[in-house]
Amino acid sequence: MVLAYLPSPPSPYLSVGPLMLHWYALMVILGVIAAVLIGQRRWAARGGAKTMVTDVAVIAVPFGIVGGRLYHVITSWQLYFGPGARPVEALYIWQGGLGIWGAVAGGALGAWIAARRRGIDFAAFADAVAPGLLVGQAIGRIGCWFNQELYGRPTSLPWGLAIDPAHRPPDSVDQPYYQPTFAYEALWDLAAAGLIVWGQRRFGLNRGRVFALYVASYTAGRGWIETLRVDPANHILGVRLNVWTSVVLFLAAVAYLIARRTRDLTQDASGPTTGTAPATTTRPPTPREGVISGADASAPELAGNTTAPAPFVHDPHTAR
């Protein structure tokens, strides 16, 4: 007997007069707004213009939506092109189905295009927006609650999610409560956002390492959460495709963190050591690095200090 449970919303729509708005779409929009606002604050703390984040988002967000939908449709093609399916429903993004991997890849491509056009150091920009992306993802996951999707196995836990019979898996229609895996992921995203902000402050992460930590921390959680889900998915060697994707991206992110750290140590060790110069030197920031090395450099950014350094905008005429 279940003594407590989480209810599901009675409808995936919000009625505003004659309009029927999809809660899923509203959550995605709120997530984008949150990511932009947080990114603006962090980019401004680096000395950049807040409007630059909005300018980049105008290009990155559509790329992300298209990329997320393409990933979902390609990896779950049976839902749209299998027997009895309706291919036109591949365009119904308001019904849910945005693959985070495609969204991040598409959004990153759009952001890189926008940053290149405006002469912005892309690695520095990615580091600035990384925590906001996780907060935005957490908000977006709430949309899955309204759609009654992306839940896990049946459970008797007191935080089990009540799912209507019409939305239950065919093999467990008699089970009313399921693991709220979308909520697990939302909470993990918020914790990961705090982790990477702390990591940047503690270790002075820069040159894309904040973004790499974002990828590593997110995939570490997504991997185990994915194993709890029961929604239809393609498998490789008996393991859900998104678990394999999480493993590959996690290893790639960790490899980048290690390689970047090794490269920095090598460059520091080969610095000037003649005369009375100290054995260990701190390299000054370059325009392409976009952030100041060292733990102290992140303090103005995190606190919103108005004495932050001038914006590091790449000048295409400088030496590379």
C-alpha atoms as a PDB file:
ATOM      1  CA  MET A   1       0.000   0.000   0.000  1.00  0.00           C
ATOM      2  CA  VAL A   2       1.391   3.382  -1.034  1.00  0.00           C
ATOM      3  CA  LEU A   3       0.941   5.988   1.714  1.00  0.00           C
ATOM      4  CA  ALA A   4       2.054   8.966  -0.391  1.00  0.00           C
ATOM      5  CA  TYR A   5       2.667   9.731  -4.048  1.00  0.00           C
ATOM      6  CA  LEU A   6       3.157  12.565  -6.518  1.00  0.00           C
ATOM      7  CA  PRO A   7       0.076  13.352  -8.617  1.00  0.00           C
ATOM      8  CA  SER A   8       0.214  14.033 -12.328  1.00  0.00           C
ATOM      9  CA  PRO A   9      -1.341  17.196 -13.770  1.00  0.00           C
ATOM     10  CA  PRO A  10      -4.901  16.731 -15.015  1.00  0.00           C
ATOM     11  CA  SER A  11      -4.108  18.285 -18.392  1.00  0.00           C
ATOM     12  CA  PRO A  12      -1.031  19.097 -20.504  1.00  0.00           C
ATOM     13  CA  TYR A  13      -2.658  22.381 -21.533  1.00  0.00           C
ATOM     14  CA  LEU A  14      -3.045  25.804 -19.972  1.00  0.00           C
ATOM     15  CA  SER A  15      -6.270  27.526 -20.963  1.00  0.00           C
ATOM     16  CA  VAL A  16      -5.970  31.295 -21.446  1.00  0.00           C
ATOM     17  CA  GLY A  17      -9.296  32.491 -22.783  1.00  0.00           C
ATOM     18  CA  PRO A  18      -9.746  30.882 -26.197  1.00  0.00           C
ATOM     19  CA  LEU A  19      -6.094  29.796 -26.296  1.00  0.00           C
ATOM     20  CA  MET A  20      -4.804  26.356 -25.336  1.00  0.00           C
ATOM     21  CA  LEU A  21      -1.127  26.596 -24.437  1.00  0.00           C
ATOM     22  CA  HIS A  22       1.043  23.524 -24.018  1.00  0.00           C
ATOM     23  CA  TRP A  23       2.736  23.374 -20.623  1.00  0.00           C
ATOM     24  CA  TYR A  24       5.654  21.486 -22.178  1.00  0.00           C
ATOM     25  CA  ALA A  25       6.368  24.340 -24.578  1.00  0.00           C
ATOM     26  CA  LEU A  26       5.986  26.905 -21.793  1.00  0.00           C
ATOM     27  CA  MET A  27       8.528  25.066 -19.635  1.00  0.00           C
ATOM     28  CA  VAL A  28      10.992  24.940 -22.509  1.00  0.00           C
ATOM     29  CA  ILE A  29      10.562  28.683 -23.057  1.00  0.00           C
ATOM     30  CA  LEU A  30      11.014  29.404 -19.340  1.00  0.00           C
ATOM     31  CA  GLY A  31      14.140  27.259 -19.374  1.00  0.00           C
ATOM     32  CA  VAL A  32      15.578  29.237 -22.279  1.00  0.00           C
ATOM     33  CA  ILE A  33      14.818  32.525 -20.505  1.00  0.00           C
ATOM     34  CA  ALA A  34      16.503  31.318 -17.306  1.00  0.00           C
ATOM     35  CA  ALA A  35      19.577  30.146 -19.212  1.00  0.00           C
ATOM     36  CA  VAL A  36      19.864  33.485 -21.017  1.00  0.00           C
ATOM     37  CA  LEU A  37      19.486  35.537 -17.822  1.00  0.00           C
ATOM     38  CA  ILE A  38      22.115  33.525 -15.967  1.00  0.00           C
ATOM     39  CA  GLY A  39      24.401  33.627 -18.985  1.00  0.00           C
ATOM     40  CA  GLN A  40      24.010  37.404 -19.225  1.00  0.00           C
ATOM     41  CA  ARG A  41      25.068  37.875 -15.616  1.00  0.00           C
ATOM     42  CA  ARG A  42      28.093  35.623 -15.924  1.00  0.00           C
ATOM     43  CA  TRP A  43      29.173  37.089 -19.279  1.00  0.00           C
ATOM     44  CA  ALA A  44      28.805  40.639 -17.955  1.00  0.00           C
ATOM     45  CA  ALA A  45      30.949  39.673 -14.952  1.00  0.00           C
ATOM     46  CA  ARG A  46      33.699  38.866 -17.445  1.00  0.00           C
ATOM     47  CA  GLY A  47      33.365  42.349 -18.893  1.00  0.00           C
ATOM     48  CA  GLY A  48      31.186  41.398 -21.835  1.00  0.00           C
ATOM     49  CA  ALA A  49      27.944  43.008 -22.933  1.00  0.00           C
ATOM     50  CA  LYS A  50      24.737  41.372 -21.677  1.00  0.00           C
ATOM     51  CA  THR A  51      23.093  41.927 -25.048  1.00  0.00           C
ATOM     52  CA  MET A  52      25.696  39.668 -26.645  1.00  0.00           C
ATOM     53  CA  VAL A  53      24.189  36.644 -24.876  1.00  0.00           C
ATOM     54  CA  THR A  54      20.771  37.484 -26.265  1.00  0.00           C
ATOM     55  CA  ASP A  55      22.213  37.979 -29.730  1.00  0.00           C
ATOM     56  CA  VAL A  56      23.869  34.564 -29.633  1.00  0.00           C
ATOM     57  CA  ALA A  57      20.741  32.924 -28.178  1.00  0.00           C
ATOM     58  CA  VAL A  58      18.637  34.181 -31.089  1.00  0.00           C
ATOM     59  CA  ILE A  59      20.691  31.906 -33.334  1.00  0.00           C
ATOM     60  CA  ALA A  60      21.586  29.130 -30.887  1.00  0.00           C
ATOM     61  CA  VAL A  61      18.061  28.399 -29.603  1.00  0.00           C
ATOM     62  CA  PRO A  62      16.503  27.568 -33.018  1.00  0.00           C
ATOM     63  CA  PHE A  63      19.551  25.438 -33.829  1.00  0.00           C
ATOM     64  CA  GLY A  64      19.125  23.668 -30.502  1.00  0.00           C
ATOM     65  CA  ILE A  65      15.429  22.971 -31.021  1.00  0.00           C
ATOM     66  CA  VAL A  66      16.021  21.574 -34.497  1.00  0.00           C
ATOM     67  CA  GLY A  67      18.990  19.528 -33.300  1.00  0.00           C
ATOM     68  CA  GLY A  68      17.068  18.167 -30.334  1.00  0.00           C
ATOM     69  CA  ARG A  69      14.115  17.143 -32.453  1.00  0.00           C
ATOM     70  CA  LEU A  70      16.312  15.546 -35.122  1.00  0.00           C
ATOM     71  CA  TYR A  71      18.149  13.486 -32.519  1.00  0.00           C
ATOM     72  CA  HIS A  72      14.872  12.301 -31.021  1.00  0.00           C
ATOM     73  CA  VAL A  73      13.323  11.407 -34.379  1.00  0.00           C
ATOM     74  CA  ILE A  74      16.464   9.630 -35.641  1.00  0.00           C
ATOM     75  CA  THR A  75      16.979   7.594 -32.474  1.00  0.00           C
ATOM     76  CA  SER A  76      13.257   6.805 -32.108  1.00  0.00           C
ATOM     77  CA  TRP A  77      12.352   6.579 -35.773  1.00  0.00           C
ATOM     78  CA  GLN A  78       9.887   3.724 -35.222  1.00  0.00           C
ATOM     79  CA  LEU A  79       7.516   6.160 -33.499  1.00  0.00           C
ATOM     80  CA  TYR A  80       7.198   8.211 -36.678  1.00  0.00           C
ATOM     81  CA  PHE A  81       8.117   5.948 -39.604  1.00  0.00           C
ATOM     82  CA  GLY A  82       7.309   2.478 -38.307  1.00  0.00           C
ATOM     83  CA  PRO A  83       4.193   0.429 -39.111  1.00  0.00           C
ATOM     84  CA  GLY A  84       1.035   2.408 -38.417  1.00  0.00           C
ATOM     85  CA  ALA A  85       2.957   5.570 -37.560  1.00  0.00           C
ATOM     86  CA  ARG A  86       2.216   9.047 -38.906  1.00  0.00           C
ATOM     87  CA  PRO A  87       5.410  10.733 -40.216  1.00  0.00           C
ATOM     88  CA  VAL A  88       3.857  14.186 -39.916  1.00  0.00           C
ATOM     89  CA  GLU A  89       3.934  13.803 -36.120  1.00  0.00           C
ATOM     90  CA  ALA A  90       7.709  14.162 -36.292  1.00  0.00           C
ATOM     91  CA  LEU A  91       6.954  17.886 -36.517  1.00  0.00           C
ATOM     92  CA  TYR A  92       4.757  17.939 -33.399  1.00  0.00           C
ATOM     93  CA  ILE A  93       7.424  19.123 -30.970  1.00  0.00           C
ATOM     94  CA  TRP A  94       4.810  20.403 -28.509  1.00  0.00           C
ATOM     95  CA  GLN A  95       3.953  16.778 -27.736  1.00  0.00           C
ATOM     96  CA  GLY A  96       7.425  16.281 -26.330  1.00  0.00           C
ATOM     97  CA  GLY A  97      10.512  14.648 -27.736  1.00  0.00           C
ATOM     98  CA  LEU A  98      13.612  16.868 -27.712  1.00  0.00           C
ATOM     99  CA  GLY A  99      16.817  14.863 -27.375  1.00  0.00           C
ATOM    100  CA  ILE A 100      19.188  16.764 -25.109  1.00  0.00           C
ATOM    101  CA  TRP A 101      22.233  15.534 -27.019  1.00  0.00           C
ATOM    102  CA  GLY A 102      20.956  16.953 -30.287  1.00  0.00           C
ATOM    103  CA  ALA A 103      19.823  20.137 -28.549  1.00  0.00           C
ATOM    104  CA  VAL A 104      23.263  20.773 -27.045  1.00  0.00           C
ATOM    105  CA  ALA A 105      25.043  19.926 -30.293  1.00  0.00           C
ATOM    106  CA  GLY A 106      22.716  22.064 -32.390  1.00  0.00           C
ATOM    107  CA  GLY A 107      22.785  24.912 -29.893  1.00  0.00           C
ATOM    108  CA  ALA A 108      26.581  24.770 -29.688  1.00  0.00           C
ATOM    109  CA  LEU A 109      26.829  24.940 -33.480  1.00  0.00           C
ATOM    110  CA  GLY A 110      24.515  27.951 -33.574  1.00  0.00           C
ATOM    111  CA  ALA A 111      26.427  29.628 -30.750  1.00  0.00           C
ATOM    112  CA  TRP A 112      29.749  28.984 -32.500  1.00  0.00           C
ATOM    113  CA  ILE A 113      28.442  30.565 -35.701  1.00  0.00           C
ATOM    114  CA  ALA A 114      27.149  33.610 -33.811  1.00  0.00           C
ATOM    115  CA  ALA A 115      30.318  33.945 -31.735  1.00  0.00           C
ATOM    116  CA  ARG A 116      32.530  33.718 -34.800  1.00  0.00           C
ATOM    117  CA  ARG A 117      30.558  36.420 -36.577  1.00  0.00           C
ATOM    118  CA  ARG A 118      30.911  38.727 -33.570  1.00  0.00           C
ATOM    119  CA  GLY A 119      34.559  37.945 -32.830  1.00  0.00           C
ATOM    120  CA  ILE A 120      33.843  36.333 -29.459  1.00  0.00           C
ATOM    121  CA  ASP A 121      36.051  33.646 -27.920  1.00  0.00           C
ATOM    122  CA  PHE A 122      33.712  30.658 -28.154  1.00  0.00           C
ATOM    123  CA  ALA A 123      35.368  28.676 -25.337  1.00  0.00           C
ATOM    124  CA  ALA A 124      35.033  31.618 -22.944  1.00  0.00           C
ATOM    125  CA  PHE A 125      31.415  32.108 -23.956  1.00  0.00           C
ATOM    126  CA  ALA A 126      30.627  28.406 -23.482  1.00  0.00           C
ATOM    127  CA  ASP A 127      32.144  28.529 -20.000  1.00  0.00           C
ATOM    128  CA  ALA A 128      29.966  31.532 -19.128  1.00  0.00           C
ATOM    129  CA  VAL A 129      26.662  29.969 -20.189  1.00  0.00           C
ATOM    130  CA  ALA A 130      27.258  26.399 -18.949  1.00  0.00           C
ATOM    131  CA  PRO A 131      25.592  26.698 -15.488  1.00  0.00           C
ATOM    132  CA  GLY A 132      22.574  28.447 -16.999  1.00  0.00           C
ATOM    133  CA  LEU A 133      22.139  25.608 -19.483  1.00  0.00           C
ATOM    134  CA  LEU A 134      21.750  23.145 -16.629  1.00  0.00           C
ATOM    135  CA  VAL A 135      19.209  25.339 -14.875  1.00  0.00           C
ATOM    136  CA  GLY A 136      17.314  25.684 -18.146  1.00  0.00           C
ATOM    137  CA  GLN A 137      17.362  21.912 -18.661  1.00  0.00           C
ATOM    138  CA  ALA A 138      15.981  21.392 -15.156  1.00  0.00           C
ATOM    139  CA  ILE A 139      13.064  23.720 -15.856  1.00  0.00           C
ATOM    140  CA  GLY A 140      12.432  22.114 -19.229  1.00  0.00           C
ATOM    141  CA  ARG A 141      12.199  18.678 -17.625  1.00  0.00           C
ATOM    142  CA  ILE A 142       9.142  19.842 -15.686  1.00  0.00           C
ATOM    143  CA  GLY A 143       7.351  19.856 -19.038  1.00  0.00           C
ATOM    144  CA  CYS A 144       7.671  16.055 -19.059  1.00  0.00           C
ATOM    145  CA  TRP A 145       5.591  15.992 -15.879  1.00  0.00           C
ATOM    146  CA  PHE A 146       2.708  17.738 -17.640  1.00  0.00           C
ATOM    147  CA  ASN A 147       2.963  15.309 -20.568  1.00  0.00           C
ATOM    148  CA  GLN A 148       3.199  12.283 -18.231  1.00  0.00           C
ATOM    149  CA  GLU A 149       6.289  11.006 -20.027  1.00  0.00           C
ATOM    150  CA  LEU A 150       9.885   9.979 -19.349  1.00  0.00           C
ATOM    151  CA  TYR A 151       9.089   8.255 -16.066  1.00  0.00           C
ATOM    152  CA  GLY A 152      10.748   5.123 -14.727  1.00  0.00           C
ATOM    153  CA  ARG A 153       9.846   1.673 -13.512  1.00  0.00           C
ATOM    154  CA  PRO A 154       6.872   0.933 -11.244  1.00  0.00           C
ATOM    155  CA  THR A 155       7.597   1.763  -7.620  1.00  0.00           C
ATOM    156  CA  SER A 156       6.079   1.808  -4.144  1.00  0.00           C
ATOM    157  CA  LEU A 157       8.294   4.647  -2.925  1.00  0.00           C
ATOM    158  CA  PRO A 158       6.483   7.532  -1.219  1.00  0.00           C
ATOM    159  CA  TRP A 159       7.559   9.873  -4.027  1.00  0.00           C
ATOM    160  CA  GLY A 160       6.238   7.595  -6.751  1.00  0.00           C
ATOM    161  CA  LEU A 161       4.485   9.381  -9.595  1.00  0.00           C
ATOM    162  CA  ALA A 162       0.843   8.577 -10.346  1.00  0.00           C
ATOM    163  CA  ILE A 163       0.398   7.971 -14.075  1.00  0.00           C
ATOM    164  CA  ASP A 164      -3.004   7.846 -15.758  1.00  0.00           C
ATOM    165  CA  PRO A 165      -3.867   4.485 -17.387  1.00  0.00           C
ATOM    166  CA  ALA A 166      -3.757   6.037 -20.877  1.00  0.00           C
ATOM    167  CA  HIS A 167      -0.080   6.936 -20.386  1.00  0.00           C
ATOM    168  CA  ARG A 168       1.139   3.724 -18.745  1.00  0.00           C
ATOM    169  CA  PRO A 169       3.311   1.134 -20.524  1.00  0.00           C
ATOM    170  CA  PRO A 170       1.333  -1.718 -22.100  1.00  0.00           C
ATOM    171  CA  ASP A 171       3.053  -4.300 -19.886  1.00  0.00           C
ATOM    172  CA  SER A 172       2.213  -2.557 -16.595  1.00  0.00           C
ATOM    173  CA  VAL A 173      -1.190  -0.954 -17.052  1.00  0.00           C
ATOM    174  CA  ASP A 174      -2.183  -2.271 -13.609  1.00  0.00           C
ATOM    175  CA  GLN A 175       0.665  -0.366 -11.918  1.00  0.00           C
ATOM    176  CA  PRO A 176      -0.382   3.176 -10.947  1.00  0.00           C
ATOM    177  CA  TYR A 177       2.923   4.550  -9.566  1.00  0.00           C
ATOM    178  CA  TYR A 178       6.275   4.999 -11.303  1.00  0.00           C
ATOM    179  CA  GLN A 179       9.731   6.444 -10.668  1.00  0.00           C
ATOM    180  CA  PRO A 180       9.676  10.209 -11.467  1.00  0.00           C
ATOM    181  CA  THR A 181      12.911  10.078 -13.458  1.00  0.00           C
ATOM    182  CA  PHE A 182      12.286  13.506 -14.997  1.00  0.00           C
ATOM    183  CA  ALA A 183      12.363  14.927 -11.453  1.00  0.00           C
ATOM    184  CA  TYR A 184      15.571  13.033 -10.669  1.00  0.00           C
ATOM    185  CA  GLU A 185      17.171  14.585 -13.720  1.00  0.00           C
ATOM    186  CA  ALA A 186      15.927  18.079 -12.862  1.00  0.00           C
ATOM    187  CA  LEU A 187      17.385  17.839  -9.354  1.00  0.00           C
ATOM    188  CA  TRP A 188      20.641  16.426 -10.734  1.00  0.00           C
ATOM    189  CA  ASP A 189      20.887  19.323 -13.191  1.00  0.00           C
ATOM    190  CA  LEU A 190      20.532  21.889 -10.414  1.00  0.00           C
ATOM    191  CA  ALA A 191      23.151  20.117  -8.309  1.00  0.00           C
ATOM    192  CA  ALA A 192      25.497  19.917 -11.314  1.00  0.00           C
ATOM    193  CA  ALA A 193      25.058  23.655 -11.934  1.00  0.00           C
ATOM    194  CA  GLY A 194      26.197  24.335  -8.391  1.00  0.00           C
ATOM    195  CA  LEU A 195      29.094  21.913  -8.825  1.00  0.00           C
ATOM    196  CA  ILE A 196      30.542  23.581 -11.897  1.00  0.00           C
ATOM    197  CA  VAL A 197      30.236  27.064 -10.381  1.00  0.00           C
ATOM    198  CA  TRP A 198      32.085  25.779  -7.314  1.00  0.00           C
ATOM    199  CA  GLY A 199      34.641  23.996  -9.502  1.00  0.00           C
ATOM    200  CA  GLN A 200      35.356  27.151 -11.468  1.00  0.00           C
ATOM    201  CA  ARG A 201      35.831  29.132  -8.271  1.00  0.00           C
ATOM    202  CA  ARG A 202      37.939  26.481  -6.579  1.00  0.00           C
ATOM    203  CA  PHE A 203      40.189  25.490  -9.475  1.00  0.00           C
ATOM    204  CA  GLY A 204      40.082  28.544 -11.749  1.00  0.00           C
ATOM    205  CA  LEU A 205      38.696  26.558 -14.674  1.00  0.00           C
ATOM    206  CA  ASN A 206      38.777  28.291 -18.045  1.00  0.00           C
ATOM    207  CA  ARG A 207      39.405  27.679 -21.771  1.00  0.00           C
ATOM    208  CA  GLY A 208      36.356  25.441 -22.167  1.00  0.00           C
ATOM    209  CA  ARG A 209      36.949  23.405 -19.020  1.00  0.00           C
ATOM    210  CA  VAL A 210      33.803  24.736 -17.339  1.00  0.00           C
ATOM    211  CA  PHE A 211      31.760  23.545 -20.301  1.00  0.00           C
ATOM    212  CA  ALA A 212      33.576  20.202 -20.260  1.00  0.00           C
ATOM    213  CA  LEU A 213      32.702  19.832 -16.568  1.00  0.00           C
ATOM    214  CA  TYR A 214      29.095  20.591 -17.501  1.00  0.00           C
ATOM    215  CA  VAL A 215      29.110  17.745 -20.023  1.00  0.00           C
ATOM    216  CA  ALA A 216      30.821  15.340 -17.602  1.00  0.00           C
ATOM    217  CA  SER A 217      28.562  16.121 -14.656  1.00  0.00           C
ATOM    218  CA  TYR A 218      25.356  15.961 -16.676  1.00  0.00           C
ATOM    219  CA  THR A 219      26.193  12.693 -18.410  1.00  0.00           C
ATOM    220  CA  ALA A 220      27.248  11.100 -15.106  1.00  0.00           C
ATOM    221  CA  GLY A 221      23.711  11.602 -13.856  1.00  0.00           C
ATOM    222  CA  ARG A 222      21.896  10.984 -17.106  1.00  0.00           C
ATOM    223  CA  GLY A 223      23.583   7.611 -17.484  1.00  0.00           C
ATOM    224  CA  TRP A 224      22.166   6.067 -14.299  1.00  0.00           C
ATOM    225  CA  ILE A 225      18.820   7.851 -14.576  1.00  0.00           C
ATOM    226  CA  GLU A 226      18.410   6.471 -18.094  1.00  0.00           C
ATOM    227  CA  THR A 227      18.625   2.921 -16.741  1.00  0.00           C
ATOM    228  CA  LEU A 228      15.462   3.544 -14.697  1.00  0.00           C
ATOM    229  CA  ARG A 229      13.315   4.684 -17.612  1.00  0.00           C
ATOM    230  CA  VAL A 230      10.770   2.435 -19.324  1.00  0.00           C
ATOM    231  CA  ASP A 231       9.794   4.521 -22.342  1.00  0.00           C
ATOM    232  CA  PRO A 232      10.519   2.936 -25.753  1.00  0.00           C
ATOM    233  CA  ALA A 233      14.166   3.227 -26.809  1.00  0.00           C
ATOM    234  CA  ASN A 234      16.626   1.547 -29.135  1.00  0.00           C
ATOM    235  CA  HIS A 235      19.214  -0.705 -27.503  1.00  0.00           C
ATOM    236  CA  ILE A 236      22.778  -1.677 -28.324  1.00  0.00           C
ATOM    237  CA  LEU A 237      24.006  -4.911 -26.703  1.00  0.00           C
ATOM    238  CA  GLY A 238      20.984  -4.792 -24.434  1.00  0.00           C
ATOM    239  CA  VAL A 239      21.728  -1.274 -23.175  1.00  0.00           C
ATOM    240  CA  ARG A 240      19.672   1.817 -23.996  1.00  0.00           C
ATOM    241  CA  LEU A 241      21.226   4.011 -26.677  1.00  0.00           C
ATOM    242  CA  ASN A 242      21.272   7.095 -24.441  1.00  0.00           C
ATOM    243  CA  VAL A 243      23.310   5.228 -21.833  1.00  0.00           C
ATOM    244  CA  TRP A 244      25.997   4.576 -24.439  1.00  0.00           C
ATOM    245  CA  THR A 245      25.825   8.212 -25.517  1.00  0.00           C
ATOM    246  CA  SER A 246      26.273   9.307 -21.902  1.00  0.00           C
ATOM    247  CA  VAL A 247      29.313   7.078 -21.472  1.00  0.00           C
ATOM    248  CA  VAL A 248      30.990   8.298 -24.665  1.00  0.00           C
ATOM    249  CA  LEU A 249      30.386  11.981 -23.906  1.00  0.00           C
ATOM    250  CA  PHE A 250      31.470  11.574 -20.288  1.00  0.00           C
ATOM    251  CA  LEU A 251      34.776  10.003 -21.329  1.00  0.00           C
ATOM    252  CA  ALA A 252      35.306  12.680 -23.990  1.00  0.00           C
ATOM    253  CA  ALA A 253      34.691  15.480 -21.474  1.00  0.00           C
ATOM    254  CA  VAL A 254      37.023  13.947 -18.884  1.00  0.00           C
ATOM    255  CA  ALA A 255      39.682  13.433 -21.555  1.00  0.00           C
ATOM    256  CA  TYR A 256      39.439  17.116 -22.486  1.00  0.00           C
ATOM    257  CA  LEU A 257      39.749  18.179 -18.849  1.00  0.00           C
ATOM    258  CA  ILE A 258      42.862  16.052 -18.409  1.00  0.00           C
ATOM    259  CA  ALA A 259      44.416  17.121 -21.717  1.00  0.00           C
ATOM    260  CA  ARG A 260      43.746  20.807 -21.043  1.00  0.00           C
ATOM    261  CA  ARG A 261      45.221  20.542 -17.553  1.00  0.00           C
ATOM    262  CA  THR A 262      48.293  18.701 -18.820  1.00  0.00           C
ATOM    263  CA  ARG A 263      48.824  21.295 -21.534  1.00  0.00           C
ATOM    264  CA  ASP A 264      48.565  24.163 -19.058  1.00  0.00           C
ATOM    265  CA  LEU A 265      51.055  22.546 -16.680  1.00  0.00           C
ATOM    266  CA  THR A 266      53.473  21.960 -19.554  1.00  0.00           C
ATOM    267  CA  GLN A 267      53.212  25.565 -20.715  1.00  0.00           C
ATOM    268  CA  ASP A 268      53.677  26.880 -17.172  1.00  0.00           C
ATOM    269  CA  ALA A 269      56.722  24.686 -16.644  1.00  0.00           C
ATOM    270  CA  SER A 270      58.325  25.982 -19.847  1.00  0.00           C
ATOM    271  CA  GLY A 271      57.878  29.653 -18.844  1.00  0.00           C
ATOM    272  CA  PRO A 272      60.765  32.048 -18.170  1.00  0.00           C
ATOM    273  CA  THR A 273      62.927  30.946 -15.258  1.00  0.00           C
ATOM    274  CA  THR A 274      66.086  33.033 -15.753  1.00  0.00           C
ATOM    275  CA  GLY A 275      67.433  35.713 -13.407  1.00  0.00           C
ATOM    276  CA  THR A 276      65.346  36.270 -10.333  1.00  0.00           C
ATOM    277  CA  ALA A 277      62.104  35.099 -11.876  1.00  0.00           C
ATOM    278  CA  PRO A 278      60.201  32.566  -9.733  1.00  0.00           C
ATOM    279  CA  ALA A 279      60.268  28.920 -10.676  1.00  0.00           C
ATOM    280  CA  THR A 280      56.547  28.917 -11.347  1.00  0.00           C
ATOM    281  CA  THR A 281      55.041  31.700 -13.364  1.00  0.00           C
ATOM    282  CA  THR A 282      51.456  32.629 -14.034  1.00  0.00           C
ATOM    283  CA  ARG A 283      50.717  33.335 -17.662  1.00  0.00           C
ATOM    284  CA  PRO A 284      48.684  36.471 -18.334  1.00  0.00           C
ATOM    285  CA  PRO A 285      45.373  35.958 -20.096  1.00  0.00           C
ATOM    286  CA  THR A 286      45.223  36.263 -23.834  1.00  0.00           C
ATOM    287  CA  PRO A 287      42.235  37.489 -25.827  1.00  0.00           C
ATOM    288  CA  ARG A 288      41.530  33.959 -27.016  1.00  0.00           C
ATOM    289  CA  GLU A 289      41.460  32.547 -23.479  1.00  0.00           C
ATOM    290  CA  GLY A 290      38.557  34.751 -22.475  1.00  0.00           C
ATOM    291  CA  VAL A 291      39.064  34.273 -18.740  1.00  0.00           C
ATOM    292  CA  ILE A 292      41.806  34.983 -16.220  1.00  0.00           C
ATOM    293  CA  SER A 293      43.613  31.945 -14.900  1.00  0.00           C
ATOM    294  CA  GLY A 294      43.553  31.164 -11.206  1.00  0.00           C
ATOM    295  CA  ALA A 295      40.885  30.882  -8.533  1.00  0.00           C
ATOM    296  CA  ASP A 296      40.831  34.615  -7.850  1.00  0.00           C
ATOM    297  CA  ALA A 297      39.819  35.326 -11.419  1.00  0.00           C
ATOM    298  CA  SER A 298      36.401  33.743 -10.981  1.00  0.00           C
ATOM    299  CA  ALA A 299      35.450  35.811  -7.936  1.00  0.00           C
ATOM    300  CA  PRO A 300      34.268  38.939  -9.792  1.00  0.00           C
ATOM    301  CA  GLU A 301      32.326  36.794 -12.228  1.00  0.00           C
ATOM    302  CA  LEU A 302      30.476  34.839  -9.571  1.00  0.00           C
ATOM    303  CA  ALA A 303      29.748  37.827  -7.381  1.00  0.00           C
ATOM    304  CA  GLY A 304      28.748  40.134 -10.209  1.00  0.00           C
ATOM    305  CA  ASN A 305      31.559  42.550  -9.260  1.00  0.00           C
ATOM    306  CA  THR A 306      31.535  45.684 -11.381  1.00  0.00           C
ATOM    307  CA  THR A 307      35.344  45.746 -11.357  1.00  0.00           C
ATOM    308  CA  ALA A 308      35.503  42.754 -13.660  1.00  0.00           C
ATOM    309  CA  PRO A 309      38.106  42.817 -16.459  1.00  0.00           C
ATOM    310  CA  ALA A 310      37.374  44.299 -19.837  1.00  0.00           C
ATOM    311  CA  PRO A 311      35.630  41.985 -22.318  1.00  0.00           C
ATOM    312  CA  PHE A 312      37.909  39.589 -24.104  1.00  0.00           C
ATOM    313  CA  VAL A 313      36.725  39.967 -27.684  1.00  0.00           C
ATOM    314  CA  HIS A 314      38.767  38.273 -30.322  1.00  0.00           C
ATOM    315  CA  ASP A 315      40.374  40.604 -32.845  1.00  0.00           C
ATOM    316  CA  PRO A 316      40.804  38.760 -36.136  1.00  0.00           C
ATOM    317  CA  HIS A 317      43.774  40.991 -36.939  1.00  0.00           C
ATOM    318  CA  THR A 318      45.831  39.894 -33.924  1.00  0.00           C
ATOM    319  CA  ALA A 319      48.411  37.155 -34.132  1.00  0.00           C
ATOM    320  CA  ARG A 320      47.036  33.675 -33.605  1.00  0.00           C
END
